[in-house]
Amino acid sequence: MKQLFLSVFLAVLASLATLPGAARAQDAAWIQIEAHPDLRTARERARIFALTLDQVHAFRMDTGWYAIAVGPLSRGAALAEARRLRLSGLVPGDSYVVDGDSYARQFWPIDSNAGTTAADQAERVTGTAPAPSLAEPARETPAEARARERALTGAERRDLQRALQWFGFYDAGIDGAFGRGTRAAMSDWQAARGYEPTGVLTTRQRARLMDEYRTIQDRLGMRLVTDETAGIRLLVPTALVAFDRYEPPFAHYEAETQDGVRLLLISQAGGRATLHGLYDVMQTLEIVPLDGTRRRDADSFLLTGRDDEIVSYTHARLEDGFVKGFTLIWPPEMDATMSKITRAMQASLASVGDTALDESAAPPLPESQRRDLLSGLEIRKPAMSRSGFYVDDRGTVLTAAEVVADCTRITIEGDYEARVALTDAALGLAVLRPTAALAPIGYAAFRETAPRLRSEIAVAGYSFGGALGAPTLSYGELAELSGLQGEAELNRLSLRAEEGDTGGPVFAPDGRVLGMLVAAGPDGKRLPEDVRFAAEAGALVARLREAGVDIRAGGDATRVAAEDLTGLARDITVLVSCWK
């Protein structure tokens, strides 16, 4: 009796396992793309993937993490689709197929299915998606494929090149000519998709390539946009950005989604001087982070930038008396898609008509905003700025040590990059050498003999971090030939100076440098406002010679006129900035 009961029980289980719904649930699989420990990041990433992929879902996992997955599919379809998506670069290379048992509640997309489990989703599908077929439905001979290829229009041939370019297989011009480069790209695409790499696409293969390409283009809203006011035509991801306003030389296209993608069209009348000036100006903007490519030739430039928050790509070129270009800005997590978009945008960029944005038509900004904004864009500010001065004819600069600490980049006068050659914490000095050759108008002559006490001195410096555009002179007296604790390498000054003056040259009445202004007080002690210190010339000269600097020194000289001292200060004093 027990044996009969067991046989019936096993038979019932077997029959249940063969039911269509049970078969689908057991066979359902998912392609897990990513997993994140926090819900917000996972939701944002799911939205990004949904721009280019079908059937994107996101679930809270039993582990507490949040998974993004494509499905449900049959296991065979999931394995084939995962391979295709990885080869095409649409998903990370470490994506893999799972059964979804660890997927608990769905949190994306937020619709009628929200709150369901992966098993619920698998039961809802009436049939799983078929695996992409890598075989031809009907064999097309190479001769037939070539004959049908010859019947393509010029536009169709160029579209094929654009599709191959989008997926990273083609990097030459879009000309519709199927030469060696196009054939190699076709062959590479065929190999990546599991076809025989013949270099000639069959009708079926062309259809698949264009279907993949158009699906992505439609989701991104890639449209050829003509901005008549700016005189520019180019491909624009209209699902991500939309026109907002003109602030010459830019047309602003702001984000349409929470991803924060932004676009600027660049349009300005002018020649090479205008192009090269724009190249310099763009690098001062927050939208072009410091870490990236800087490339300029006679008639075009390319700027890329990256930090923890944004990535940007700027391309501009000179055509018939006009500078035309664009800047695209996006969050780092969208790199895979946006790098393809920038490539397509640059290839499509064209100047339209005989026009550019009129800078005289720009709405005036309040005076309080003009310093920090350029055409509505925030100008990058250094983390710290101090003064310095040239000490030889090669552009070597002596400055305060505090301004070069933990800098990503150091600049002289905002334009010239420099590197640290030497620092001395005891004297509070740093020696900088420009990365490119400089020929300063003038450089310091040091006075190595001790001056008279109570003699007049002057400090040259950028008192307010360069806001005034030129160094100023602050006058005082030489109060003592040593520091407060008898330090022989310091001179005490009776002088009112600003923080920005630190690192600037201290002049004797004869125009020679008798020291460098150092930080306001020793060991953080609060001192009277008119007490400052200078590293004295003898100590400075010794350290400069150790650094291989050929310094200039001299004996006694006659007093120089006030206007001559002002000119000398302007020639040798520089603004030193630290960028992070």
Protein backbone atom coordinates (compact mmCIF):
# COMPACT_ATOMS: atom_id res chain seq x y z
CA MET A 1 0.00 0.00 0.00
CA LYS A 2 2.81 2.39 0.91
CA GLN A 3 4.60 1.52 -2.32
CA LEU A 4 1.43 2.23 -4.36
CA PHE A 5 0.97 5.62 -2.57
CA LEU A 6 4.58 6.57 -3.28
CA SER A 7 4.21 5.67 -6.96
CA VAL A 8 1.07 7.82 -7.32
CA PHE A 9 2.74 10.72 -5.46
CA LEU A 10 5.77 10.65 -7.75
CA ALA A 11 3.52 10.47 -10.80
CA VAL A 12 1.61 13.58 -9.65
CA LEU A 13 4.86 15.44 -9.11
CA ALA A 14 6.05 14.48 -12.56
CA SER A 15 2.79 15.64 -14.14
CA LEU A 16 2.98 18.98 -12.30
CA ALA A 17 6.52 19.50 -13.53
CA THR A 18 5.33 19.17 -17.13
CA LEU A 19 2.65 21.90 -16.88
CA PRO A 20 3.41 24.86 -19.23
CA GLY A 21 3.38 27.46 -16.45
CA ALA A 22 5.69 25.39 -14.28
CA ALA A 23 8.05 24.83 -17.16
CA ARG A 24 8.22 28.57 -17.86
CA ALA A 25 8.85 29.42 -14.21
CA GLN A 26 11.59 26.81 -13.88
CA ASP A 27 13.21 27.82 -17.20
CA ALA A 28 13.02 31.61 -16.63
CA ALA A 29 16.38 33.35 -16.39
CA TRP A 30 17.71 36.88 -16.02
CA ILE A 31 20.80 38.70 -17.21
CA GLN A 32 22.14 40.45 -14.12
CA ILE A 33 23.83 43.66 -15.26
CA GLU A 34 24.79 45.32 -12.00
CA ALA A 35 24.12 45.26 -8.27
CA HIS A 36 24.41 48.19 -5.85
CA PRO A 37 24.26 48.50 -2.06
CA ASP A 38 21.96 51.56 -2.11
CA LEU A 39 18.53 52.00 -3.65
CA ARG A 40 19.08 55.47 -5.10
CA THR A 41 22.10 54.47 -7.19
CA ALA A 42 20.39 51.31 -8.41
CA ARG A 43 17.28 53.24 -9.48
CA GLU A 44 19.37 55.81 -11.39
CA ARG A 45 21.40 53.10 -13.13
CA ALA A 46 18.26 51.17 -14.07
CA ARG A 47 16.88 54.29 -15.76
CA ILE A 48 20.12 54.74 -17.70
CA PHE A 49 20.17 51.14 -18.94
CA ALA A 50 16.51 51.39 -19.96
CA LEU A 51 17.49 54.07 -22.49
CA THR A 52 19.23 51.43 -24.59
CA LEU A 53 17.84 48.05 -23.46
CA ASP A 54 14.45 46.31 -23.40
CA GLN A 55 12.98 44.43 -20.42
CA VAL A 56 15.06 46.19 -17.77
CA HIS A 57 13.86 45.44 -14.22
CA ALA A 58 15.37 46.06 -10.81
CA PHE A 59 14.83 44.06 -7.63
CA ARG A 60 15.79 44.14 -3.99
CA MET A 61 17.83 40.99 -3.35
CA ASP A 62 17.69 38.69 -0.35
CA THR A 63 21.21 39.91 0.50
CA GLY A 64 19.97 43.49 0.90
CA TRP A 65 21.64 44.68 -2.31
CA TYR A 66 19.71 45.97 -5.34
CA ALA A 67 20.07 44.19 -8.68
CA ILE A 68 19.46 45.47 -12.21
CA ALA A 69 18.55 42.73 -14.66
CA VAL A 70 17.19 42.10 -18.16
CA GLY A 71 14.43 39.51 -18.44
CA PRO A 72 12.69 37.26 -17.91
CA LEU A 73 13.95 35.07 -20.78
CA SER A 74 14.34 31.39 -21.36
CA ARG A 75 17.74 30.20 -20.20
CA GLY A 76 18.91 29.60 -23.77
CA ALA A 77 17.72 33.04 -24.86
CA ALA A 78 19.32 34.67 -21.80
CA LEU A 79 22.69 33.04 -22.46
CA ALA A 80 22.67 34.10 -26.13
CA GLU A 81 21.41 37.62 -25.36
CA ALA A 82 23.97 38.11 -22.58
CA ARG A 83 26.73 37.20 -25.00
CA ARG A 84 25.38 39.61 -27.63
CA LEU A 85 25.00 42.49 -25.16
CA ARG A 86 28.50 41.98 -23.76
CA LEU A 87 30.05 41.89 -27.23
CA SER A 88 28.20 45.04 -28.26
CA GLY A 89 29.33 46.90 -25.16
CA LEU A 90 25.75 47.63 -24.10
CA VAL A 91 26.25 45.96 -20.70
CA PRO A 92 29.34 45.48 -18.48
CA GLY A 93 31.65 42.65 -19.48
CA ASP A 94 31.03 40.83 -16.20
CA SER A 95 27.23 40.58 -16.66
CA TYR A 96 25.97 37.02 -16.17
CA VAL A 97 22.84 34.84 -16.27
CA VAL A 98 21.00 33.98 -13.03
CA ASP A 99 17.76 32.20 -12.16
CA GLY A 100 16.42 35.15 -10.17
CA ASP A 101 15.71 33.15 -7.01
CA SER A 102 17.44 35.80 -4.89
CA TYR A 103 15.34 38.63 -6.37
CA ALA A 104 12.72 39.68 -3.83
CA ARG A 105 10.61 42.77 -4.49
CA GLN A 106 10.74 44.77 -7.70
CA PHE A 107 11.33 48.53 -7.29
CA TRP A 108 11.84 49.54 -10.92
CA PRO A 109 10.08 50.34 -13.19
CA ILE A 110 7.48 51.98 -10.98
CA ASP A 111 4.28 50.77 -12.60
CA SER A 112 1.53 48.21 -12.06
CA ASN A 113 4.19 45.51 -11.66
CA ALA A 114 5.99 47.31 -8.82
CA GLY A 115 6.27 45.15 -5.74
CA THR A 116 6.20 41.88 -7.66
CA THR A 117 8.96 39.31 -7.45
CA ALA A 118 11.07 37.86 -10.23
CA ALA A 119 8.96 34.70 -10.06
CA ASP A 120 5.77 36.80 -10.53
CA GLN A 121 7.28 38.41 -13.60
CA ALA A 122 8.29 35.04 -15.02
CA GLU A 123 4.73 33.72 -14.57
CA ARG A 124 3.25 36.78 -16.32
CA VAL A 125 5.07 36.28 -19.60
CA THR A 126 3.02 34.22 -22.02
CA GLY A 127 6.12 33.08 -23.83
CA THR A 128 9.79 33.72 -23.41
CA ALA A 129 11.72 35.72 -25.97
CA PRO A 130 13.47 33.59 -28.56
CA ALA A 131 17.23 33.51 -28.52
CA PRO A 132 18.79 35.71 -31.18
CA SER A 133 19.61 33.52 -34.11
CA LEU A 134 23.19 33.59 -35.33
CA ALA A 135 22.39 31.53 -38.41
CA GLU A 136 20.92 32.82 -41.66
CA PRO A 137 17.29 31.78 -42.27
CA ALA A 138 18.19 31.16 -45.87
CA ARG A 139 21.73 30.88 -47.19
CA GLU A 140 22.79 33.94 -49.15
CA THR A 141 25.90 33.42 -51.25
CA PRO A 142 28.73 36.00 -51.20
CA ALA A 143 27.90 36.90 -54.79
CA GLU A 144 24.25 37.49 -53.88
CA ALA A 145 25.27 39.54 -50.84
CA ARG A 146 27.56 41.73 -52.98
CA ALA A 147 24.85 42.17 -55.63
CA ARG A 148 22.31 43.32 -53.04
CA GLU A 149 24.93 45.55 -51.44
CA ARG A 150 25.55 47.29 -54.80
CA ALA A 151 21.85 48.17 -54.92
CA LEU A 152 22.09 50.22 -51.71
CA THR A 153 21.65 53.98 -52.01
CA GLY A 154 24.37 56.37 -50.92
CA ALA A 155 22.36 57.28 -47.83
CA GLU A 156 21.96 53.63 -46.87
CA ARG A 157 25.68 53.02 -47.24
CA ARG A 158 26.50 56.01 -45.05
CA ASP A 159 23.97 54.81 -42.46
CA LEU A 160 25.77 51.47 -42.29
CA GLN A 161 29.05 53.26 -41.65
CA ARG A 162 27.43 55.35 -38.92
CA ALA A 163 26.07 52.20 -37.26
CA LEU A 164 29.48 50.53 -37.38
CA GLN A 165 31.03 53.70 -35.99
CA TRP A 166 28.49 53.86 -33.15
CA PHE A 167 29.34 50.35 -31.98
CA GLY A 168 33.07 51.10 -32.12
CA PHE A 169 34.04 49.11 -35.20
CA TYR A 170 34.66 52.00 -37.63
CA ASP A 171 36.58 55.23 -37.09
CA ALA A 172 37.08 56.68 -40.58
CA GLY A 173 35.03 59.19 -42.56
CA ILE A 174 31.32 58.75 -43.33
CA ASP A 175 31.55 58.76 -47.12
CA GLY A 176 29.49 55.76 -48.24
CA ALA A 177 32.54 54.19 -49.91
CA PHE A 178 33.10 50.62 -48.78
CA GLY A 179 36.90 50.57 -48.85
CA ARG A 180 39.41 48.67 -46.79
CA GLY A 181 38.44 50.40 -43.52
CA THR A 182 34.71 49.73 -43.93
CA ARG A 183 35.34 46.10 -44.93
CA ALA A 184 37.52 45.57 -41.86
CA ALA A 185 34.80 47.11 -39.68
CA MET A 186 32.16 44.81 -41.19
CA SER A 187 34.40 41.82 -40.62
CA ASP A 188 34.99 42.80 -36.97
CA TRP A 189 31.25 43.31 -36.42
CA GLN A 190 30.51 39.88 -37.94
CA ALA A 191 33.08 38.20 -35.69
CA ALA A 192 31.69 39.96 -32.61
CA ARG A 193 28.18 38.77 -33.43
CA GLY A 194 29.22 35.17 -34.13
CA TYR A 195 29.07 35.29 -37.94
CA GLU A 196 31.71 34.24 -40.42
CA PRO A 197 33.95 37.35 -40.85
CA THR A 198 33.71 37.79 -44.63
CA GLY A 199 33.75 41.61 -44.70
CA VAL A 200 30.52 41.63 -46.74
CA LEU A 201 27.25 41.88 -44.82
CA THR A 202 24.35 39.75 -45.95
CA THR A 203 20.86 41.18 -46.16
CA ARG A 204 19.99 39.60 -42.81
CA GLN A 205 23.14 40.93 -41.14
CA ARG A 206 22.57 44.46 -42.46
CA ALA A 207 19.04 44.36 -41.10
CA ARG A 208 20.25 43.23 -37.67
CA LEU A 209 22.98 45.88 -37.51
CA MET A 210 20.60 48.68 -38.48
CA ASP A 211 17.88 47.42 -36.13
CA GLU A 212 20.29 47.48 -33.17
CA TYR A 213 21.50 50.94 -34.17
CA ARG A 214 18.05 52.48 -34.74
CA THR A 215 16.69 51.07 -31.49
CA ILE A 216 19.39 52.81 -29.52
CA GLN A 217 19.10 56.02 -31.56
CA ASP A 218 15.34 56.14 -30.95
CA ARG A 219 15.71 55.67 -27.22
CA LEU A 220 18.28 58.44 -26.99
CA GLY A 221 16.27 60.63 -29.33
CA MET A 222 19.28 61.14 -31.62
CA ARG A 223 18.05 63.68 -34.14
CA LEU A 224 19.82 65.93 -36.64
CA VAL A 225 19.04 69.36 -35.17
CA THR A 226 19.55 72.65 -37.01
CA ASP A 227 19.91 75.71 -34.80
CA GLU A 228 19.46 78.54 -37.27
CA THR A 229 20.37 81.24 -34.73
CA ALA A 230 23.67 79.59 -33.86
CA GLY A 231 24.26 78.48 -37.45
CA ILE A 232 24.96 74.88 -36.42
CA ARG A 233 23.65 71.49 -37.48
CA LEU A 234 24.53 68.32 -35.57
CA LEU A 235 23.12 65.16 -34.02
CA VAL A 236 21.60 65.83 -30.59
CA PRO A 237 20.30 63.33 -27.99
CA THR A 238 16.91 65.05 -27.73
CA ALA A 239 15.63 62.54 -25.15
CA LEU A 240 18.34 63.83 -22.79
CA VAL A 241 18.56 67.58 -23.51
CA ALA A 242 16.35 70.40 -24.79
CA PHE A 243 17.02 74.01 -25.82
CA ASP A 244 16.83 76.52 -22.97
CA ARG A 245 18.45 79.87 -23.87
CA TYR A 246 21.14 81.79 -25.74
CA GLU A 247 24.04 83.41 -23.88
CA PRO A 248 26.66 84.12 -26.59
CA PRO A 249 28.91 82.47 -27.50
CA PHE A 250 26.79 79.55 -26.21
CA ALA A 251 23.37 78.08 -26.86
CA HIS A 252 22.37 76.25 -23.68
CA TYR A 253 20.54 72.90 -23.90
CA GLU A 254 19.56 71.79 -20.41
CA ALA A 255 18.83 68.33 -18.96
CA GLU A 256 15.53 66.62 -19.82
CA THR A 257 16.09 63.78 -17.33
CA GLN A 258 17.47 63.40 -13.83
CA ASP A 259 20.74 62.14 -15.32
CA GLY A 260 21.84 65.77 -15.67
CA VAL A 261 23.21 65.63 -19.22
CA ARG A 262 23.82 69.16 -20.62
CA LEU A 263 24.82 70.49 -24.03
CA LEU A 264 26.35 73.78 -25.16
CA LEU A 265 26.54 74.81 -28.79
CA ILE A 266 29.51 77.10 -29.45
CA SER A 267 29.00 79.80 -32.06
CA GLN A 268 31.20 82.87 -32.51
CA ALA A 269 32.42 85.01 -35.39
CA GLY A 270 36.22 85.34 -35.66
CA GLY A 271 39.48 83.83 -36.82
CA ARG A 272 42.31 81.84 -35.30
CA ALA A 273 42.85 84.35 -32.51
CA THR A 274 39.20 83.90 -31.49
CA LEU A 275 39.49 80.11 -31.62
CA HIS A 276 42.68 80.07 -29.57
CA GLY A 277 41.26 82.57 -27.08
CA LEU A 278 38.17 80.39 -26.63
CA TYR A 279 40.45 77.38 -26.08
CA ASP A 280 42.07 79.21 -23.15
CA VAL A 281 38.78 80.53 -21.75
CA MET A 282 37.03 77.13 -21.80
CA GLN A 283 39.72 75.71 -19.53
CA THR A 284 38.82 78.24 -16.83
CA LEU A 285 35.24 76.94 -16.61
CA GLU A 286 33.96 74.43 -14.05
CA ILE A 287 32.40 72.37 -16.85
CA VAL A 288 35.91 71.44 -18.09
CA PRO A 289 37.54 69.61 -15.15
CA LEU A 290 41.34 69.73 -14.96
CA ASP A 291 41.98 66.02 -15.57
CA GLY A 292 41.71 65.41 -19.30
CA THR A 293 42.93 66.01 -22.85
CA ARG A 294 44.17 69.43 -23.99
CA ARG A 295 44.79 69.48 -27.76
CA ARG A 296 44.84 72.44 -30.12
CA ASP A 297 46.01 72.94 -33.69
CA ALA A 298 45.72 75.89 -36.07
CA ASP A 299 42.00 75.47 -36.85
CA SER A 300 40.44 73.28 -34.14
CA PHE A 301 40.72 72.15 -30.55
CA LEU A 302 39.61 69.31 -28.29
CA LEU A 303 39.15 69.49 -24.52
CA THR A 304 38.05 66.66 -22.28
CA GLY A 305 37.69 66.78 -18.51
CA ARG A 306 36.75 64.41 -15.71
CA ASP A 307 36.23 64.56 -11.97
CA ASP A 308 34.06 62.68 -9.46
CA GLU A 309 30.90 64.51 -10.55
CA ILE A 310 31.05 65.21 -14.29
CA VAL A 311 32.73 64.30 -17.56
CA SER A 312 32.82 66.78 -20.43
CA TYR A 313 33.84 66.77 -24.09
CA THR A 314 34.44 70.00 -26.04
CA HIS A 315 35.23 70.24 -29.73
CA ALA A 316 35.37 73.41 -31.81
CA ARG A 317 36.75 74.31 -35.21
CA LEU A 318 37.22 77.32 -37.45
CA GLU A 319 35.24 77.45 -40.71
CA ASP A 320 34.99 80.46 -43.05
CA GLY A 321 35.38 83.09 -40.35
CA PHE A 322 33.27 81.36 -37.70
CA VAL A 323 34.09 79.23 -34.67
CA LYS A 324 31.53 76.42 -34.30
CA GLY A 325 31.50 73.54 -31.86
CA PHE A 326 29.86 71.96 -28.82
CA THR A 327 30.40 70.87 -25.22
CA LEU A 328 28.59 67.80 -23.85
CA ILE A 329 28.51 67.22 -20.08
CA TRP A 330 27.37 64.02 -18.35
CA PRO A 331 27.76 62.04 -15.08
CA PRO A 332 30.65 59.50 -15.05
CA GLU A 333 28.32 56.49 -14.85
CA MET A 334 27.02 57.25 -18.35
CA ASP A 335 30.46 57.00 -20.00
CA ALA A 336 29.75 53.96 -22.18
CA THR A 337 26.81 55.60 -23.95
CA MET A 338 28.02 59.19 -23.98
CA SER A 339 31.40 58.38 -25.55
CA LYS A 340 29.46 56.98 -28.52
CA ILE A 341 27.25 60.07 -28.64
CA THR A 342 30.20 62.49 -28.68
CA ARG A 343 31.82 60.58 -31.53
CA ALA A 344 28.60 60.78 -33.56
CA MET A 345 28.11 64.46 -32.71
CA GLN A 346 31.62 65.44 -33.77
CA ALA A 347 31.24 63.58 -37.07
CA SER A 348 27.91 65.32 -37.77
CA LEU A 349 28.91 68.88 -36.76
CA ALA A 350 28.38 71.34 -39.61
CA SER A 351 28.25 75.12 -39.96
CA VAL A 352 24.96 76.34 -41.46
CA GLY A 353 24.51 79.67 -43.20
CA ASP A 354 26.57 82.81 -42.75
CA THR A 355 25.75 83.48 -39.12
CA ALA A 356 26.90 83.16 -35.52
CA LEU A 357 25.54 84.15 -32.11
CA ASP A 358 25.65 87.92 -31.62
CA GLU A 359 27.51 88.71 -28.39
CA SER A 360 26.09 92.24 -28.32
CA ALA A 361 22.60 90.72 -28.01
CA ALA A 362 23.43 88.88 -24.76
CA PRO A 363 21.37 90.06 -21.76
CA PRO A 364 23.56 92.08 -19.38
CA LEU A 365 24.52 90.42 -16.12
CA PRO A 366 24.47 92.20 -12.78
CA GLU A 367 27.92 93.53 -11.92
CA SER A 368 28.09 91.21 -8.90
CA GLN A 369 27.87 88.14 -11.17
CA ARG A 370 30.25 89.08 -13.95
CA ARG A 371 33.40 88.04 -12.10
CA ASP A 372 32.28 84.48 -11.49
CA LEU A 373 30.24 83.76 -14.62
CA LEU A 374 30.98 83.59 -18.32
CA SER A 375 27.84 83.43 -20.47
CA GLY A 376 25.97 81.76 -17.62
CA LEU A 377 28.77 79.30 -16.82
CA GLU A 378 30.70 79.22 -13.56
CA ILE A 379 34.38 80.10 -13.82
CA ARG A 380 36.70 77.74 -12.01
CA LYS A 381 38.42 79.23 -8.98
CA PRO A 382 41.74 78.13 -7.50
CA ALA A 383 41.82 76.56 -4.04
CA MET A 384 44.40 79.16 -2.99
CA SER A 385 46.28 82.06 -4.54
CA ARG A 386 49.37 83.78 -3.21
CA SER A 387 52.13 85.99 -4.60
CA GLY A 388 55.56 85.07 -5.95
CA PHE A 389 58.32 86.60 -8.03
CA TYR A 390 60.72 85.71 -10.84
CA VAL A 391 64.27 84.98 -9.73
CA ASP A 392 65.98 84.25 -13.05
CA ASP A 393 65.60 84.81 -16.78
CA ARG A 394 64.10 81.32 -17.31
CA GLY A 395 60.95 82.09 -15.37
CA THR A 396 61.85 80.32 -12.10
CA VAL A 397 59.55 81.60 -9.34
CA LEU A 398 60.06 81.92 -5.60
CA THR A 399 56.83 81.76 -3.57
CA ALA A 400 55.30 80.69 -0.23
CA ALA A 401 55.32 76.98 0.59
CA GLU A 402 51.69 77.03 1.72
CA VAL A 403 50.35 77.73 -1.77
CA VAL A 404 51.83 74.58 -3.34
CA ALA A 405 50.62 72.03 -0.76
CA ASP A 406 48.46 69.17 -2.13
CA CYS A 407 47.80 70.83 -5.49
CA THR A 408 46.59 68.97 -8.56
CA ARG A 409 47.92 71.79 -10.70
CA ILE A 410 49.99 74.94 -10.06
CA THR A 411 49.84 77.98 -12.33
CA ILE A 412 51.80 81.19 -12.71
CA GLU A 413 49.68 84.18 -13.73
CA GLY A 414 46.78 81.76 -14.34
CA ASP A 415 48.13 80.64 -17.73
CA TYR A 416 51.49 78.94 -17.24
CA GLU A 417 51.75 75.60 -15.50
CA ALA A 418 54.62 75.02 -13.09
CA ARG A 419 56.10 72.22 -11.03
CA VAL A 420 57.71 72.33 -7.58
CA ALA A 421 61.51 72.16 -7.73
CA LEU A 422 62.19 72.66 -4.01
CA THR A 423 60.39 73.41 -0.75
CA ASP A 424 61.73 74.51 2.61
CA ALA A 425 59.24 74.29 5.48
CA ALA A 426 61.55 76.09 7.90
CA LEU A 427 61.78 79.17 5.67
CA GLY A 428 58.25 78.70 4.33
CA LEU A 429 59.37 78.89 0.69
CA ALA A 430 58.90 76.95 -2.53
CA VAL A 431 60.78 77.17 -5.81
CA LEU A 432 58.71 76.66 -8.97
CA ARG A 433 59.85 75.97 -12.51
CA PRO A 434 57.48 76.54 -15.46
CA THR A 435 56.75 73.45 -17.55
CA ALA A 436 57.18 75.50 -20.74
CA ALA A 437 59.90 78.06 -21.47
CA LEU A 438 59.23 81.56 -20.15
CA ALA A 439 61.11 84.81 -20.74
CA PRO A 440 60.02 87.28 -18.03
CA ILE A 441 60.38 91.01 -18.57
CA GLY A 442 62.38 91.26 -15.37
CA TYR A 443 63.56 89.25 -12.40
CA ALA A 444 64.80 89.96 -8.88
CA ALA A 445 68.18 91.36 -7.94
CA PHE A 446 68.91 90.39 -4.33
CA ARG A 447 70.53 92.59 -1.70
CA GLU A 448 72.72 90.30 0.37
CA THR A 449 74.05 93.00 2.72
CA ALA A 450 71.95 93.88 5.77
CA PRO A 451 69.88 97.05 5.39
CA ARG A 452 69.56 99.71 8.07
CA LEU A 453 66.97 99.25 10.79
CA ARG A 454 63.93 101.47 10.42
CA SER A 455 64.63 101.84 6.72
CA GLU A 456 61.61 101.98 4.44
CA ILE A 457 60.56 98.75 2.73
CA ALA A 458 57.81 97.87 0.25
CA VAL A 459 56.06 94.54 -0.38
CA ALA A 460 54.64 93.75 -3.81
CA GLY A 461 51.78 91.26 -3.98
CA TYR A 462 48.38 90.24 -5.25
CA SER A 463 46.66 91.37 -2.08
CA PHE A 464 43.20 90.09 -3.06
CA GLY A 465 44.01 86.94 -5.01
CA GLY A 466 44.26 88.59 -8.41
CA ALA A 467 40.94 90.44 -8.21
CA LEU A 468 42.70 93.71 -9.08
CA GLY A 469 44.53 92.21 -12.06
CA ALA A 470 47.97 93.57 -11.07
CA PRO A 471 50.24 93.58 -8.00
CA THR A 472 50.04 96.42 -5.49
CA LEU A 473 52.71 97.90 -3.24
CA SER A 474 52.32 98.06 0.55
CA TYR A 475 54.83 100.25 2.43
CA GLY A 476 56.30 99.75 5.90
CA GLU A 477 59.55 99.62 7.91
CA LEU A 478 62.24 97.09 8.65
CA ALA A 479 61.62 96.68 12.40
CA GLU A 480 64.15 93.97 13.35
CA LEU A 481 66.86 91.85 11.66
CA SER A 482 65.61 88.66 13.32
CA GLY A 483 62.42 86.86 14.25
CA LEU A 484 60.63 87.03 17.59
CA GLN A 485 62.80 84.20 18.96
CA GLY A 486 66.02 85.47 17.43
CA GLU A 487 65.76 83.57 14.13
CA ALA A 488 68.60 84.95 12.00
CA GLU A 489 66.96 83.89 8.73
CA LEU A 490 63.93 86.12 9.39
CA ASN A 491 63.41 89.87 9.39
CA ARG A 492 60.54 91.42 11.32
CA LEU A 493 58.59 94.05 9.44
CA SER A 494 56.25 96.79 10.58
CA LEU A 495 53.74 96.47 7.78
CA ARG A 496 50.05 95.95 7.10
CA ALA A 497 49.63 93.32 4.40
CA GLU A 498 46.96 90.87 3.20
CA GLU A 499 47.16 87.07 3.00
CA GLY A 500 47.43 87.31 -0.78
CA ASP A 501 50.70 89.26 -0.41
CA THR A 502 52.40 86.24 1.20
CA GLY A 503 55.22 85.02 -1.04
CA GLY A 504 55.74 88.45 -2.58
CA PRO A 505 59.11 90.26 -2.79
CA VAL A 506 60.18 92.72 -0.08
CA PHE A 507 61.98 95.65 -1.70
CA ALA A 508 64.68 97.90 -0.25
CA PRO A 509 64.55 101.59 -1.27
CA ASP A 510 67.11 100.88 -4.01
CA GLY A 511 64.77 98.40 -5.75
CA ARG A 512 66.67 95.27 -4.77
CA VAL A 513 64.94 92.37 -2.98
CA LEU A 514 65.89 91.97 0.67
CA GLY A 515 63.44 89.15 1.44
CA MET A 516 60.17 87.29 0.78
CA LEU A 517 57.02 87.88 2.83
CA VAL A 518 56.12 84.72 4.76
CA ALA A 519 52.97 83.60 6.61
CA ALA A 520 51.53 86.03 9.12
CA GLY A 521 52.53 84.51 12.48
CA PRO A 522 54.66 81.69 13.93
CA ASP A 523 52.89 78.58 15.22
CA GLY A 524 49.46 80.09 14.69
CA LYS A 525 49.96 82.83 17.29
CA ARG A 526 47.85 85.93 16.89
CA LEU A 527 50.05 89.02 16.46
CA PRO A 528 49.33 92.72 15.99
CA GLU A 529 48.11 93.50 12.47
CA ASP A 530 51.25 95.45 11.58
CA VAL A 531 53.69 92.66 12.51
CA ARG A 532 54.86 90.55 9.56
CA PHE A 533 57.98 88.57 8.74
CA ALA A 534 60.23 88.13 5.73
CA ALA A 535 62.67 85.32 4.93
CA GLU A 536 65.87 87.34 4.55
CA ALA A 537 67.80 87.54 1.29
CA GLY A 538 70.91 85.62 2.39
CA ALA A 539 68.89 82.53 3.34
CA LEU A 540 66.84 82.78 0.14
CA VAL A 541 69.93 83.05 -2.07
CA ALA A 542 71.51 80.00 -0.40
CA ARG A 543 68.44 77.83 -1.04
CA LEU A 544 68.05 79.09 -4.61
CA ARG A 545 71.66 78.22 -5.39
CA GLU A 546 71.06 74.71 -4.00
CA ALA A 547 68.19 74.44 -6.48
CA GLY A 548 70.52 75.38 -9.34
CA VAL A 549 69.16 78.88 -9.84
CA ASP A 550 71.60 81.44 -11.23
CA ILE A 551 70.59 84.39 -9.04
CA ARG A 552 71.44 88.03 -9.57
CA ALA A 553 72.92 90.05 -6.69
CA GLY A 554 74.54 93.46 -6.38
CA GLY A 555 76.12 95.97 -4.02
CA ASP A 556 74.76 99.31 -2.89
CA ALA A 557 72.62 101.28 -5.28
CA THR A 558 70.80 104.58 -5.25
CA ARG A 559 67.19 105.00 -4.21
CA VAL A 560 64.68 104.46 -7.04
CA ALA A 561 61.69 106.69 -7.66
CA ALA A 562 58.27 105.49 -6.54
CA GLU A 563 56.99 105.10 -10.12
CA ASP A 564 60.08 103.09 -11.08
CA LEU A 565 59.59 100.77 -8.10
CA THR A 566 55.96 100.25 -9.15
CA GLY A 567 57.10 99.27 -12.64
CA LEU A 568 59.76 96.93 -11.28
CA ALA A 569 57.22 95.25 -8.98
CA ARG A 570 54.83 94.77 -11.89
CA ASP A 571 57.57 93.15 -14.01
CA ILE A 572 58.76 90.57 -11.49
CA THR A 573 55.75 89.83 -9.23
CA VAL A 574 53.41 87.01 -10.24
CA LEU A 575 50.16 85.42 -9.05
CA VAL A 576 50.67 81.78 -8.01
CA SER A 577 47.55 79.60 -7.86
CA CYS A 578 46.88 76.12 -6.51
CA TRP A 579 44.15 74.07 -8.24
CA LYS A 580 42.54 70.97 -6.77
